[in-house]
Amino acid sequence: MLRALPPNFTSWVGVATGGERPYGYQSRLAEQGLPDVLRVPTGTGKTLAAVLPWLYQRAGHPDAEVRKMTARWLVIVLPQRALVEQTVDVIEG
């Protein structure tokens, strides 16, 4: 059975995080798209800031043209295996 997708980005974050609200910069990313480089302090949701806005634009944005123009693949490049494992854990969680 297919569940209905959340109606907006704030709802996406709530579902993905168990009720948390997105940081302002995460919401801007969902509306304006991802930059080439994202620099924000530790502990401010960088992993979710990369994944959830992309997923929202790819699968849940109300504008079909935005969904169509969003890349099919999201590539995250990290310099250490420990960071890769942490990122996988966050995304799977």
C-alpha atoms as a PDB file:
ATOM      1  CA  MET A   1       0.000   0.000   0.000  1.00  0.00           C
ATOM      2  CA  LEU A   2       1.388   3.384  -1.004  1.00  0.00           C
ATOM      3  CA  ARG A   3       1.263   6.157   1.581  1.00  0.00           C
ATOM      4  CA  ALA A   4       0.599   9.720   0.520  1.00  0.00           C
ATOM      5  CA  LEU A   5       3.725  11.875   0.484  1.00  0.00           C
ATOM      6  CA  PRO A   6       3.878  14.751   2.972  1.00  0.00           C
ATOM      7  CA  PRO A   7       2.495  17.977   1.441  1.00  0.00           C
ATOM      8  CA  ASN A   8       5.500  20.243   2.121  1.00  0.00           C
ATOM      9  CA  PHE A   9       9.142  20.213   3.152  1.00  0.00           C
ATOM     10  CA  THR A  10       8.455  20.907   6.822  1.00  0.00           C
ATOM     11  CA  SER A  11       6.234  17.821   6.885  1.00  0.00           C
ATOM     12  CA  TRP A  12       8.943  15.780   5.127  1.00  0.00           C
ATOM     13  CA  VAL A  13      11.407  16.693   7.864  1.00  0.00           C
ATOM     14  CA  GLY A  14       8.841  15.916  10.559  1.00  0.00           C
ATOM     15  CA  VAL A  15       8.193  12.450   9.162  1.00  0.00           C
ATOM     16  CA  ALA A  16      11.908  11.734   8.629  1.00  0.00           C
ATOM     17  CA  THR A  17      13.020  12.925  12.058  1.00  0.00           C
ATOM     18  CA  GLY A  18      10.118  12.006  14.296  1.00  0.00           C
ATOM     19  CA  GLY A  19       8.637  15.486  14.558  1.00  0.00           C
ATOM     20  CA  GLU A  20      11.589  17.860  14.292  1.00  0.00           C
ATOM     21  CA  ARG A  21      11.275  21.093  12.332  1.00  0.00           C
ATOM     22  CA  PRO A  22      13.851  21.981   9.668  1.00  0.00           C
ATOM     23  CA  TYR A  23      16.470  24.667  10.186  1.00  0.00           C
ATOM     24  CA  GLY A  24      15.855  27.763   8.076  1.00  0.00           C
ATOM     25  CA  TYR A  25      18.766  26.994   5.774  1.00  0.00           C
ATOM     26  CA  GLN A  26      17.402  23.481   5.163  1.00  0.00           C
ATOM     27  CA  SER A  27      14.061  24.915   4.064  1.00  0.00           C
ATOM     28  CA  ARG A  28      15.844  27.349   1.732  1.00  0.00           C
ATOM     29  CA  LEU A  29      17.731  24.432   0.193  1.00  0.00           C
ATOM     30  CA  ALA A  30      14.451  22.607  -0.409  1.00  0.00           C
ATOM     31  CA  GLU A  31      12.994  25.628  -2.203  1.00  0.00           C
ATOM     32  CA  GLN A  32      16.086  26.966  -3.983  1.00  0.00           C
ATOM     33  CA  GLY A  33      18.087  23.807  -4.631  1.00  0.00           C
ATOM     34  CA  LEU A  34      21.398  22.479  -3.412  1.00  0.00           C
ATOM     35  CA  PRO A  35      24.614  24.474  -3.761  1.00  0.00           C
ATOM     36  CA  ASP A  36      27.840  22.955  -5.082  1.00  0.00           C
ATOM     37  CA  VAL A  37      29.358  23.226  -1.592  1.00  0.00           C
ATOM     38  CA  LEU A  38      27.495  23.308   1.710  1.00  0.00           C
ATOM     39  CA  ARG A  39      29.334  24.785   4.685  1.00  0.00           C
ATOM     40  CA  VAL A  40      27.525  24.861   8.007  1.00  0.00           C
ATOM     41  CA  PRO A  41      28.679  24.135  11.570  1.00  0.00           C
ATOM     42  CA  THR A  42      28.830  20.668  13.092  1.00  0.00           C
ATOM     43  CA  GLY A  43      25.538  19.522  14.570  1.00  0.00           C
ATOM     44  CA  THR A  44      23.264  21.625  12.372  1.00  0.00           C
ATOM     45  CA  GLY A  45      21.938  18.840  10.193  1.00  0.00           C
ATOM     46  CA  LYS A  46      24.215  18.876   7.143  1.00  0.00           C
ATOM     47  CA  THR A  47      23.459  15.299   6.168  1.00  0.00           C
ATOM     48  CA  LEU A  48      19.718  15.805   6.293  1.00  0.00           C
ATOM     49  CA  ALA A  49      20.196  19.218   4.658  1.00  0.00           C
ATOM     50  CA  ALA A  50      21.681  17.483   1.639  1.00  0.00           C
ATOM     51  CA  VAL A  51      19.399  14.466   1.468  1.00  0.00           C
ATOM     52  CA  LEU A  52      15.924  15.682   2.428  1.00  0.00           C
ATOM     53  CA  PRO A  53      15.779  18.779   0.170  1.00  0.00           C
ATOM     54  CA  TRP A  54      17.019  16.681  -2.762  1.00  0.00           C
ATOM     55  CA  LEU A  55      14.483  13.937  -2.028  1.00  0.00           C
ATOM     56  CA  TYR A  56      11.714  16.507  -1.611  1.00  0.00           C
ATOM     57  CA  GLN A  57      12.576  18.177  -4.918  1.00  0.00           C
ATOM     58  CA  ARG A  58      12.896  14.823  -6.668  1.00  0.00           C
ATOM     59  CA  ALA A  59       9.756  13.117  -5.338  1.00  0.00           C
ATOM     60  CA  GLY A  60       7.495  15.477  -3.429  1.00  0.00           C
ATOM     61  CA  HIS A  61       7.721  19.021  -4.787  1.00  0.00           C
ATOM     62  CA  PRO A  62       4.305  20.266  -5.922  1.00  0.00           C
ATOM     63  CA  ASP A  63       5.775  21.587  -9.202  1.00  0.00           C
ATOM     64  CA  ALA A  64       6.220  18.738 -11.692  1.00  0.00           C
ATOM     65  CA  GLU A  65       8.902  20.710 -13.533  1.00  0.00           C
ATOM     66  CA  VAL A  66      11.022  20.929 -10.359  1.00  0.00           C
ATOM     67  CA  ARG A  67      10.669  17.167  -9.870  1.00  0.00           C
ATOM     68  CA  LYS A  68      11.641  16.566 -13.485  1.00  0.00           C
ATOM     69  CA  MET A  69      14.687  18.876 -13.369  1.00  0.00           C
ATOM     70  CA  THR A  70      16.086  17.493 -10.094  1.00  0.00           C
ATOM     71  CA  ALA A  71      19.003  15.116 -10.569  1.00  0.00           C
ATOM     72  CA  ARG A  72      18.195  11.421 -10.287  1.00  0.00           C
ATOM     73  CA  TRP A  73      21.297  10.726  -8.226  1.00  0.00           C
ATOM     74  CA  LEU A  74      22.647  12.457  -5.147  1.00  0.00           C
ATOM     75  CA  VAL A  75      26.380  11.937  -4.707  1.00  0.00           C
ATOM     76  CA  ILE A  76      27.974  12.692  -1.355  1.00  0.00           C
ATOM     77  CA  VAL A  77      31.761  12.603  -1.317  1.00  0.00           C
ATOM     78  CA  LEU A  78      33.459  12.205   2.054  1.00  0.00           C
ATOM     79  CA  PRO A  79      37.152  11.948   2.928  1.00  0.00           C
ATOM     80  CA  GLN A  80      36.995   9.232   5.594  1.00  0.00           C
ATOM     81  CA  ARG A  81      35.284   5.893   5.971  1.00  0.00           C
ATOM     82  CA  ALA A  82      34.052   6.840   9.449  1.00  0.00           C
ATOM     83  CA  LEU A  83      32.206   9.813   7.958  1.00  0.00           C
ATOM     84  CA  VAL A  84      30.713   7.584   5.284  1.00  0.00           C
ATOM     85  CA  GLU A  85      29.429   5.193   7.939  1.00  0.00           C
ATOM     86  CA  GLN A  86      27.996   8.049  10.021  1.00  0.00           C
ATOM     87  CA  THR A  87      26.263   9.460   6.947  1.00  0.00           C
ATOM     88  CA  VAL A  88      24.752   6.095   6.035  1.00  0.00           C
ATOM     89  CA  ASP A  89      23.520   5.678   9.617  1.00  0.00           C
ATOM     90  CA  VAL A  90      21.856   9.121   9.585  1.00  0.00           C
ATOM     91  CA  ILE A  91      20.184   8.535   6.233  1.00  0.00           C
ATOM     92  CA  GLU A  92      18.995   5.047   7.138  1.00  0.00           C
ATOM     93  CA  GLY A  93      17.694   6.358  10.480  1.00  0.00           C
END
